[in-house]
């Protein structure tokens, strides 16, 4: 019953309540202390709107038409999983809270690698979402990892034309 009025979740009620509490704490800290240096993307209800807002900020700052912009991505190395202590980028956003399925991040190769045996999910490192002109986005030796709000590979279209579950492709280096 609670899911019809809430953010998408596949968790049972107890874990859902824990997640809800963490979301409320995240936004309370934001209100009290200003925009965080890194953002937990899995805490947003309408992720598409947030990501569009970050592009709008960049477009306004540099007087660029927003429809010419997209995101390029860069993994931020050697930082804690929660991103604490990492300064916010001048442009774009640092994002944490994502997981990889069926692969892992190889810090030595600085690229996606084969998963370890019997490990399906691994934490994705912090990623810098960089607003970039679409024509300049790197497409060489990358894998477009689909980002979903939940582990479900499905979702219904909302009135905005966005899926309720699919967010975007995060392009990460791959050999």
N, C-alpha and C. Protein backbone atom coordinates (compact mmCIF):
# COMPACT_ATOMS: atom_id res chain seq x y z
N UNK A 1 0.82 -1.21 0.00
CA UNK A 1 0.00 0.00 0.00
C UNK A 1 0.86 1.26 0.00
N UNK A 2 1.95 1.24 0.77
CA UNK A 2 2.75 2.45 0.89
C UNK A 2 3.45 2.81 -0.42
N UNK A 3 3.72 1.82 -1.26
CA UNK A 3 4.46 2.09 -2.49
C UNK A 3 3.68 2.93 -3.50
N UNK A 4 2.36 2.91 -3.42
CA UNK A 4 1.58 3.71 -4.38
C UNK A 4 1.74 5.21 -4.13
N UNK A 5 2.26 5.61 -2.97
CA UNK A 5 2.43 7.03 -2.62
C UNK A 5 3.90 7.38 -2.42
N UNK A 6 4.81 6.52 -2.85
CA UNK A 6 6.19 6.66 -2.44
C UNK A 6 7.17 6.55 -3.59
N UNK A 7 8.44 6.64 -3.24
CA UNK A 7 9.53 6.40 -4.19
C UNK A 7 9.56 4.91 -4.52
N UNK A 8 10.05 4.55 -5.73
CA UNK A 8 10.10 3.13 -6.07
C UNK A 8 11.06 2.37 -5.16
N UNK A 9 10.66 1.20 -4.74
CA UNK A 9 11.49 0.38 -3.87
C UNK A 9 11.07 -1.08 -4.00
N UNK A 10 12.04 -1.96 -3.93
CA UNK A 10 11.77 -3.40 -3.92
C UNK A 10 11.97 -3.97 -2.53
N UNK A 11 12.22 -3.10 -1.56
CA UNK A 11 12.55 -3.54 -0.21
C UNK A 11 11.29 -3.89 0.60
N UNK A 12 11.44 -4.83 1.54
CA UNK A 12 10.34 -5.09 2.46
C UNK A 12 10.16 -3.89 3.40
N UNK A 13 9.06 -3.83 4.10
CA UNK A 13 8.69 -2.65 4.88
C UNK A 13 9.78 -2.18 5.85
N UNK A 14 10.42 -3.08 6.58
CA UNK A 14 11.45 -2.67 7.53
C UNK A 14 12.62 -1.95 6.86
N UNK A 15 13.13 -2.51 5.78
CA UNK A 15 14.23 -1.89 5.04
C UNK A 15 13.78 -0.62 4.34
N UNK A 16 12.53 -0.61 3.89
CA UNK A 16 11.97 0.58 3.26
C UNK A 16 11.95 1.76 4.26
N UNK A 17 11.54 1.49 5.49
CA UNK A 17 11.49 2.54 6.51
C UNK A 17 12.89 3.05 6.82
N UNK A 18 13.88 2.15 6.89
CA UNK A 18 15.27 2.56 7.11
C UNK A 18 15.72 3.48 5.96
N UNK A 19 15.41 3.10 4.73
CA UNK A 19 15.77 3.90 3.56
C UNK A 19 15.07 5.26 3.60
N UNK A 20 13.80 5.28 3.97
CA UNK A 20 13.06 6.53 4.08
C UNK A 20 13.70 7.46 5.11
N UNK A 21 14.11 6.89 6.24
CA UNK A 21 14.78 7.68 7.29
C UNK A 21 16.08 8.28 6.75
N UNK A 22 16.87 7.49 6.03
CA UNK A 22 18.13 7.99 5.45
C UNK A 22 17.87 9.11 4.44
N UNK A 23 16.82 8.98 3.66
CA UNK A 23 16.46 10.02 2.69
C UNK A 23 16.10 11.32 3.41
N UNK A 24 15.31 11.21 4.46
CA UNK A 24 14.92 12.39 5.22
C UNK A 24 16.13 13.06 5.87
N UNK A 25 17.06 12.27 6.41
CA UNK A 25 18.28 12.82 6.99
C UNK A 25 19.12 13.53 5.93
N UNK A 26 19.23 12.93 4.74
CA UNK A 26 20.01 13.53 3.64
C UNK A 26 19.46 14.92 3.30
N UNK A 27 18.15 15.01 3.13
CA UNK A 27 17.56 16.29 2.75
C UNK A 27 17.54 17.28 3.91
N UNK A 28 17.42 16.80 5.14
CA UNK A 28 17.50 17.69 6.31
C UNK A 28 18.88 18.33 6.40
N UNK A 29 19.92 17.53 6.19
CA UNK A 29 21.29 18.06 6.19
C UNK A 29 21.48 19.07 5.07
N UNK A 30 20.87 18.82 3.92
CA UNK A 30 20.95 19.74 2.79
C UNK A 30 20.31 21.08 3.15
N UNK A 31 19.13 21.03 3.74
CA UNK A 31 18.43 22.26 4.13
C UNK A 31 19.24 23.03 5.18
N UNK A 32 19.78 22.31 6.15
CA UNK A 32 20.51 22.97 7.24
C UNK A 32 21.89 23.47 6.82
N UNK A 33 22.58 22.72 5.96
CA UNK A 33 23.97 23.05 5.65
C UNK A 33 24.27 23.48 4.23
N UNK A 34 23.27 23.55 3.38
CA UNK A 34 23.51 23.92 1.99
C UNK A 34 23.74 22.70 1.12
N UNK A 35 23.93 22.94 -0.15
CA UNK A 35 24.10 21.85 -1.12
C UNK A 35 25.30 21.00 -0.74
N UNK A 36 25.11 19.68 -0.63
CA UNK A 36 26.24 18.81 -0.27
C UNK A 36 27.30 18.76 -1.37
N UNK A 37 28.52 18.39 -0.98
CA UNK A 37 29.61 18.27 -1.94
C UNK A 37 29.37 17.12 -2.92
N UNK A 38 28.77 16.04 -2.42
CA UNK A 38 28.41 14.93 -3.30
C UNK A 38 26.96 14.55 -3.01
N UNK A 39 26.32 14.01 -4.01
CA UNK A 39 24.89 13.75 -3.92
C UNK A 39 24.59 12.27 -4.04
N UNK A 40 23.76 11.78 -3.14
CA UNK A 40 23.32 10.39 -3.18
C UNK A 40 22.17 10.30 -4.17
N UNK A 41 22.46 9.88 -5.38
CA UNK A 41 21.45 9.88 -6.43
C UNK A 41 20.26 8.98 -6.09
N UNK A 42 20.50 7.96 -5.30
CA UNK A 42 19.41 7.05 -4.95
C UNK A 42 18.48 7.62 -3.89
N UNK A 43 18.71 8.84 -3.45
CA UNK A 43 17.82 9.45 -2.45
C UNK A 43 16.76 10.34 -3.10
N UNK A 44 16.88 10.62 -4.39
CA UNK A 44 15.94 11.52 -5.05
C UNK A 44 14.69 10.77 -5.52
N UNK A 45 13.55 11.43 -5.36
CA UNK A 45 12.29 10.86 -5.82
C UNK A 45 12.17 11.03 -7.33
N UNK A 46 12.42 12.23 -7.83
CA UNK A 46 12.33 12.51 -9.27
C UNK A 46 13.73 12.83 -9.79
N UNK A 47 14.49 11.77 -10.00
CA UNK A 47 15.89 11.89 -10.38
C UNK A 47 16.06 12.67 -11.68
N UNK A 48 15.16 12.46 -12.63
CA UNK A 48 15.25 13.15 -13.93
C UNK A 48 15.20 14.67 -13.74
N UNK A 49 14.31 15.12 -12.88
CA UNK A 49 14.18 16.55 -12.63
C UNK A 49 15.43 17.12 -11.99
N UNK A 50 16.02 16.38 -11.07
CA UNK A 50 17.25 16.84 -10.43
C UNK A 50 18.38 16.95 -11.44
N UNK A 51 18.56 15.92 -12.27
CA UNK A 51 19.64 15.94 -13.26
C UNK A 51 19.42 17.04 -14.30
N UNK A 52 18.18 17.28 -14.68
CA UNK A 52 17.88 18.38 -15.60
C UNK A 52 18.21 19.72 -14.94
N UNK A 53 17.91 19.85 -13.65
CA UNK A 53 18.22 21.08 -12.92
C UNK A 53 19.72 21.36 -12.89
N UNK A 54 20.52 20.31 -12.73
CA UNK A 54 21.98 20.49 -12.73
C UNK A 54 22.46 20.95 -14.11
N UNK A 55 21.86 20.41 -15.18
CA UNK A 55 22.19 20.88 -16.53
C UNK A 55 21.76 22.33 -16.73
N UNK A 56 20.59 22.69 -16.20
CA UNK A 56 20.10 24.07 -16.31
C UNK A 56 21.04 25.04 -15.62
N UNK A 57 21.54 24.69 -14.45
CA UNK A 57 22.49 25.56 -13.75
C UNK A 57 23.72 25.82 -14.60
N UNK A 58 24.23 24.78 -15.22
CA UNK A 58 25.41 24.90 -16.07
C UNK A 58 25.09 25.75 -17.31
N UNK A 59 23.95 25.47 -17.93
CA UNK A 59 23.55 26.22 -19.13
C UNK A 59 23.41 27.71 -18.84
N UNK A 60 22.83 28.04 -17.71
CA UNK A 60 22.67 29.46 -17.33
C UNK A 60 24.02 30.10 -17.03
N UNK A 61 24.88 29.38 -16.32
CA UNK A 61 26.19 29.90 -15.95
C UNK A 61 27.01 30.28 -17.18
N UNK A 62 26.93 29.45 -18.23
CA UNK A 62 27.76 29.67 -19.42
C UNK A 62 26.96 30.15 -20.64
N UNK A 63 25.67 30.48 -20.44
CA UNK A 63 24.80 30.94 -21.54
C UNK A 63 24.83 29.99 -22.73
N UNK A 64 24.58 28.72 -22.43
CA UNK A 64 24.53 27.68 -23.45
C UNK A 64 23.11 27.13 -23.49
N UNK A 65 22.61 26.83 -24.68
CA UNK A 65 21.28 26.24 -24.81
C UNK A 65 21.28 24.86 -24.17
N UNK A 66 20.34 24.62 -23.27
CA UNK A 66 20.33 23.36 -22.53
C UNK A 66 20.14 22.15 -23.44
N UNK A 67 19.43 22.32 -24.55
CA UNK A 67 19.20 21.16 -25.42
C UNK A 67 20.45 20.73 -26.17
N UNK A 68 21.56 21.48 -26.06
CA UNK A 68 22.82 21.07 -26.68
C UNK A 68 23.71 20.34 -25.68
N UNK A 69 23.24 20.20 -24.43
CA UNK A 69 24.05 19.60 -23.37
C UNK A 69 23.60 18.18 -23.02
N UNK A 70 24.55 17.42 -22.57
CA UNK A 70 24.31 16.10 -22.01
C UNK A 70 25.33 15.90 -20.90
N UNK A 71 25.43 14.70 -20.41
CA UNK A 71 26.41 14.41 -19.37
C UNK A 71 27.53 13.54 -19.92
N UNK A 72 28.76 13.91 -19.58
CA UNK A 72 29.90 13.02 -19.71
C UNK A 72 30.24 12.61 -18.27
N UNK A 73 30.99 11.55 -18.10
CA UNK A 73 31.19 10.98 -16.77
C UNK A 73 32.66 10.69 -16.53
N UNK A 74 33.09 10.92 -15.31
CA UNK A 74 34.46 10.62 -14.91
C UNK A 74 34.43 10.03 -13.51
N UNK A 75 35.05 8.87 -13.35
CA UNK A 75 35.13 8.25 -12.02
C UNK A 75 36.11 9.05 -11.17
N UNK A 76 35.71 9.33 -9.94
CA UNK A 76 36.57 10.03 -8.99
C UNK A 76 37.25 8.96 -8.15
N UNK A 77 38.58 8.89 -8.25
CA UNK A 77 39.34 7.81 -7.61
C UNK A 77 39.76 8.17 -6.19
N UNK A 78 40.00 7.12 -5.42
CA UNK A 78 40.59 7.22 -4.08
C UNK A 78 39.79 8.11 -3.14
N UNK A 79 38.48 7.89 -3.10
CA UNK A 79 37.61 8.61 -2.17
C UNK A 79 36.77 7.59 -1.41
N UNK A 80 36.30 7.94 -0.22
CA UNK A 80 35.44 7.01 0.52
C UNK A 80 34.11 6.79 -0.20
N UNK A 81 33.47 5.64 0.09
CA UNK A 81 32.20 5.30 -0.56
C UNK A 81 31.13 6.36 -0.39
N UNK A 82 31.13 7.06 0.77
CA UNK A 82 30.10 8.06 1.02
C UNK A 82 30.46 9.43 0.47
N UNK A 83 31.69 9.57 -0.06
CA UNK A 83 32.10 10.84 -0.66
C UNK A 83 32.45 11.93 0.33
N UNK A 84 32.46 11.62 1.61
CA UNK A 84 32.75 12.64 2.62
C UNK A 84 34.16 13.18 2.44
N UNK A 85 34.29 14.50 2.55
CA UNK A 85 35.59 15.14 2.47
C UNK A 85 36.04 15.48 1.06
N UNK A 86 35.23 15.19 0.06
CA UNK A 86 35.58 15.51 -1.32
C UNK A 86 34.88 16.81 -1.69
N UNK A 87 35.65 17.76 -2.16
CA UNK A 87 35.07 19.06 -2.53
C UNK A 87 34.16 18.92 -3.74
N UNK A 88 33.11 19.73 -3.76
CA UNK A 88 32.20 19.74 -4.90
C UNK A 88 32.94 20.23 -6.14
N UNK A 89 32.62 19.70 -7.31
CA UNK A 89 33.27 20.18 -8.52
C UNK A 89 32.78 21.58 -8.88
N UNK A 90 33.59 22.31 -9.63
CA UNK A 90 33.17 23.64 -10.05
C UNK A 90 31.94 23.57 -10.95
N UNK A 91 31.92 22.59 -11.83
CA UNK A 91 30.78 22.37 -12.72
C UNK A 91 30.34 20.93 -12.61
N UNK A 92 29.05 20.70 -12.69
CA UNK A 92 28.53 19.35 -12.59
C UNK A 92 28.33 18.93 -11.15
N UNK A 93 28.19 17.63 -10.95
CA UNK A 93 27.91 17.09 -9.62
C UNK A 93 28.69 15.80 -9.39
N UNK A 94 29.08 15.59 -8.14
CA UNK A 94 29.65 14.31 -7.74
C UNK A 94 28.50 13.44 -7.25
N UNK A 95 28.44 12.21 -7.74
CA UNK A 95 27.33 11.32 -7.42
C UNK A 95 27.85 10.04 -6.78
N UNK A 96 27.20 9.65 -5.69
CA UNK A 96 27.46 8.37 -5.02
C UNK A 96 26.13 7.64 -4.86
N UNK A 97 26.21 6.39 -4.42
CA UNK A 97 24.99 5.63 -4.15
C UNK A 97 24.56 4.72 -5.27
N UNK A 98 25.40 4.54 -6.28
CA UNK A 98 25.05 3.66 -7.39
C UNK A 98 25.72 2.30 -7.19
N UNK A 99 25.15 1.28 -7.81
CA UNK A 99 25.71 -0.06 -7.77
C UNK A 99 25.85 -0.58 -9.19
N UNK A 100 26.85 -1.43 -9.38
CA UNK A 100 27.07 -2.09 -10.66
C UNK A 100 26.56 -3.51 -10.56
N UNK A 101 25.96 -4.01 -11.63
CA UNK A 101 25.45 -5.38 -11.65
C UNK A 101 26.17 -6.16 -12.74
N UNK A 102 26.75 -7.29 -12.37
CA UNK A 102 27.39 -8.16 -13.34
C UNK A 102 28.80 -7.73 -13.74
N UNK A 103 29.35 -6.76 -13.03
CA UNK A 103 30.72 -6.30 -13.27
C UNK A 103 31.19 -5.59 -12.01
N UNK A 104 32.41 -5.10 -12.05
CA UNK A 104 32.92 -4.32 -10.91
C UNK A 104 33.83 -3.22 -11.46
N UNK A 105 34.11 -2.24 -10.63
CA UNK A 105 35.07 -1.21 -11.01
C UNK A 105 36.45 -1.72 -10.63
N UNK A 106 37.37 -1.71 -11.59
CA UNK A 106 38.74 -2.14 -11.36
C UNK A 106 39.61 -0.89 -11.18
N UNK A 107 39.99 -0.56 -9.93
CA UNK A 107 40.74 0.68 -9.71
C UNK A 107 42.13 0.66 -10.34
N UNK A 108 42.71 -0.53 -10.50
CA UNK A 108 44.03 -0.63 -11.11
C UNK A 108 43.96 -0.29 -12.61
N UNK A 109 42.98 -0.86 -13.30
CA UNK A 109 42.79 -0.61 -14.72
C UNK A 109 42.05 0.70 -15.00
N UNK A 110 41.40 1.21 -13.95
CA UNK A 110 40.55 2.40 -14.07
C UNK A 110 39.50 2.21 -15.17
N UNK A 111 38.86 1.03 -15.08
CA UNK A 111 37.84 0.66 -16.05
C UNK A 111 36.95 -0.43 -15.44
N UNK A 112 35.82 -0.68 -16.08
CA UNK A 112 34.97 -1.78 -15.65
C UNK A 112 35.72 -3.09 -15.87
N UNK A 113 35.49 -4.03 -14.97
CA UNK A 113 36.14 -5.33 -15.09
C UNK A 113 35.17 -6.45 -14.79
N UNK A 114 35.65 -7.66 -14.98
CA UNK A 114 34.83 -8.84 -14.69
C UNK A 114 34.51 -8.89 -13.20
N UNK A 115 33.28 -9.32 -12.88
CA UNK A 115 32.92 -9.45 -11.47
C UNK A 115 33.68 -10.62 -10.85
N UNK A 116 33.80 -10.55 -9.54
CA UNK A 116 34.38 -11.65 -8.80
C UNK A 116 33.35 -12.80 -8.79
N UNK A 117 33.82 -14.05 -8.67
CA UNK A 117 32.89 -15.18 -8.66
C UNK A 117 31.81 -15.03 -7.59
N UNK A 118 30.59 -15.29 -7.98
CA UNK A 118 29.41 -15.30 -7.11
C UNK A 118 29.07 -13.93 -6.52
N UNK A 119 29.62 -12.85 -7.08
CA UNK A 119 29.29 -11.49 -6.64
C UNK A 119 28.56 -10.81 -7.78
N UNK A 120 27.27 -10.60 -7.62
CA UNK A 120 26.47 -9.99 -8.69
C UNK A 120 26.49 -8.47 -8.62
N UNK A 121 26.43 -7.89 -7.41
CA UNK A 121 26.36 -6.43 -7.25
C UNK A 121 27.60 -5.91 -6.54
N UNK A 122 28.13 -4.79 -7.03
CA UNK A 122 29.24 -4.11 -6.37
C UNK A 122 28.95 -2.62 -6.34
N UNK A 123 29.50 -1.95 -5.37
CA UNK A 123 29.32 -0.50 -5.25
C UNK A 123 30.08 0.21 -6.37
N UNK A 124 29.42 1.13 -7.00
CA UNK A 124 30.06 1.95 -8.02
C UNK A 124 30.81 3.08 -7.31
N UNK A 125 32.02 3.41 -7.75
CA UNK A 125 32.73 4.52 -7.11
C UNK A 125 32.03 5.85 -7.41
N UNK A 126 32.47 6.90 -6.73
CA UNK A 126 31.93 8.23 -6.99
C UNK A 126 32.16 8.58 -8.47
N UNK A 127 31.13 9.16 -9.08
CA UNK A 127 31.21 9.55 -10.48
C UNK A 127 30.90 11.04 -10.60
N UNK A 128 31.73 11.74 -11.35
CA UNK A 128 31.50 13.16 -11.64
C UNK A 128 30.63 13.22 -12.89
N UNK A 129 29.40 13.72 -12.73
CA UNK A 129 28.50 13.96 -13.85
C UNK A 129 28.85 15.34 -14.38
N UNK A 130 29.45 15.40 -15.55
CA UNK A 130 29.96 16.66 -16.11
C UNK A 130 29.08 17.13 -17.25
N UNK A 131 28.40 18.27 -17.10
CA UNK A 131 27.65 18.81 -18.24
C UNK A 131 28.62 19.09 -19.38
N UNK A 132 28.28 18.60 -20.56
CA UNK A 132 29.17 18.69 -21.72
C UNK A 132 28.31 18.88 -22.97
N UNK A 133 28.84 19.61 -23.94
CA UNK A 133 28.15 19.69 -25.22
C UNK A 133 28.01 18.28 -25.78
N UNK A 134 26.83 17.95 -26.26
CA UNK A 134 26.57 16.59 -26.74
C UNK A 134 27.59 16.15 -27.77
N UNK A 135 28.00 17.07 -28.64
CA UNK A 135 28.96 16.72 -29.69
C UNK A 135 30.35 16.38 -29.14
N UNK A 136 30.64 16.78 -27.90
CA UNK A 136 31.96 16.55 -27.30
C UNK A 136 32.01 15.40 -26.30
N UNK A 137 30.90 14.69 -26.13
CA UNK A 137 30.85 13.59 -25.16
C UNK A 137 31.68 12.42 -25.67
N UNK A 138 32.52 11.88 -24.79
CA UNK A 138 33.40 10.77 -25.13
C UNK A 138 32.59 9.51 -25.41
N UNK A 139 32.87 8.83 -26.52
CA UNK A 139 32.21 7.57 -26.85
C UNK A 139 33.23 6.47 -27.12
N UNK A 140 34.51 6.73 -26.85
CA UNK A 140 35.57 5.76 -27.13
C UNK A 140 35.86 4.92 -25.90
N UNK A 141 35.86 3.61 -26.09
CA UNK A 141 36.18 2.66 -25.02
C UNK A 141 35.32 2.86 -23.77
N UNK A 142 34.05 3.11 -23.98
CA UNK A 142 33.14 3.26 -22.85
C UNK A 142 32.02 2.23 -22.96
N UNK A 143 31.43 1.95 -21.83
CA UNK A 143 30.23 1.13 -21.79
C UNK A 143 29.12 1.98 -21.20
N UNK A 144 28.00 2.02 -21.87
CA UNK A 144 26.85 2.79 -21.39
C UNK A 144 26.08 1.93 -20.39
N UNK A 145 26.32 2.16 -19.10
CA UNK A 145 25.66 1.40 -18.03
C UNK A 145 24.30 2.03 -17.77
N UNK A 146 23.21 1.30 -17.98
CA UNK A 146 21.91 1.87 -17.67
C UNK A 146 21.75 2.04 -16.15
N UNK A 147 21.27 3.20 -15.75
CA UNK A 147 21.04 3.50 -14.34
C UNK A 147 19.55 3.40 -14.07
N UNK A 148 19.19 2.54 -13.14
CA UNK A 148 17.80 2.35 -12.75
C UNK A 148 17.65 2.74 -11.29
N UNK A 149 16.43 3.14 -10.91
CA UNK A 149 16.15 3.47 -9.51
C UNK A 149 16.10 2.22 -8.65
N UNK A 150 15.63 1.12 -9.22
CA UNK A 150 15.59 -0.17 -8.52
C UNK A 150 16.20 -1.22 -9.42
N UNK A 151 16.33 -2.44 -8.92
CA UNK A 151 16.89 -3.53 -9.70
C UNK A 151 15.97 -4.03 -10.80
N UNK A 152 14.73 -3.58 -10.82
CA UNK A 152 13.80 -3.95 -11.89
C UNK A 152 14.25 -3.34 -13.20
N UNK A 153 14.14 -4.08 -14.26
CA UNK A 153 14.50 -3.57 -15.58
C UNK A 153 13.26 -3.09 -16.33
N UNK A 154 12.29 -2.61 -15.59
CA UNK A 154 11.05 -2.16 -16.22
C UNK A 154 10.55 -0.93 -15.50
N UNK A 155 9.61 -0.28 -16.11
CA UNK A 155 8.98 0.90 -15.53
C UNK A 155 7.93 1.41 -16.49
N UNK A 156 6.98 2.13 -15.99
CA UNK A 156 5.95 2.69 -16.86
C UNK A 156 6.32 4.12 -17.18
N UNK A 157 5.85 4.59 -18.31
CA UNK A 157 6.11 5.98 -18.69
C UNK A 157 5.23 6.91 -17.87
N UNK A 158 5.85 7.96 -17.36
CA UNK A 158 5.10 8.97 -16.63
C UNK A 158 4.59 9.99 -17.63
N UNK A 159 3.76 10.91 -17.18
CA UNK A 159 3.22 11.93 -18.06
C UNK A 159 4.30 12.82 -18.64
N UNK A 160 5.49 12.85 -17.99
CA UNK A 160 6.61 13.66 -18.49
C UNK A 160 7.34 12.97 -19.63
N UNK A 161 7.00 11.71 -19.89
CA UNK A 161 7.69 10.96 -20.93
C UNK A 161 8.87 10.17 -20.41
N UNK A 162 9.17 10.28 -19.12
CA UNK A 162 10.27 9.54 -18.51
C UNK A 162 9.76 8.23 -17.92
N UNK A 163 10.64 7.25 -17.85
CA UNK A 163 10.30 5.99 -17.20
C UNK A 163 10.29 6.20 -15.69
N UNK A 164 9.48 5.44 -15.01
CA UNK A 164 9.46 5.53 -13.55
C UNK A 164 10.68 4.85 -12.94
N UNK A 165 11.43 4.09 -13.73
CA UNK A 165 12.56 3.36 -13.16
C UNK A 165 13.89 3.67 -13.85
N UNK A 166 13.93 3.75 -15.18
CA UNK A 166 15.17 4.05 -15.90
C UNK A 166 15.51 5.53 -15.77
N UNK A 167 16.78 5.84 -15.50
CA UNK A 167 17.20 7.22 -15.34
C UNK A 167 18.00 7.69 -16.55
N UNK A 168 19.16 7.11 -16.80
CA UNK A 168 19.99 7.44 -17.95
C UNK A 168 21.11 6.42 -18.04
N UNK A 169 21.93 6.52 -19.10
CA UNK A 169 23.10 5.67 -19.22
C UNK A 169 24.30 6.41 -18.66
N UNK A 170 24.98 5.78 -17.70
CA UNK A 170 26.22 6.32 -17.15
C UNK A 170 27.35 5.68 -17.95
N UNK A 171 28.10 6.48 -18.66
CA UNK A 171 29.13 5.96 -19.55
C UNK A 171 30.45 5.85 -18.80
N UNK A 172 30.91 4.60 -18.64
CA UNK A 172 32.12 4.32 -17.87
C UNK A 172 33.16 3.65 -18.75
N UNK A 173 34.45 3.91 -18.49
CA UNK A 173 35.51 3.29 -19.28
C UNK A 173 35.45 1.77 -19.20
N UNK A 174 35.73 1.13 -20.32
CA UNK A 174 35.73 -0.33 -20.39
C UNK A 174 36.78 -0.76 -21.40
N UNK A 175 37.44 -1.85 -21.08
CA UNK A 175 38.41 -2.41 -22.02
C UNK A 175 37.76 -3.47 -22.90
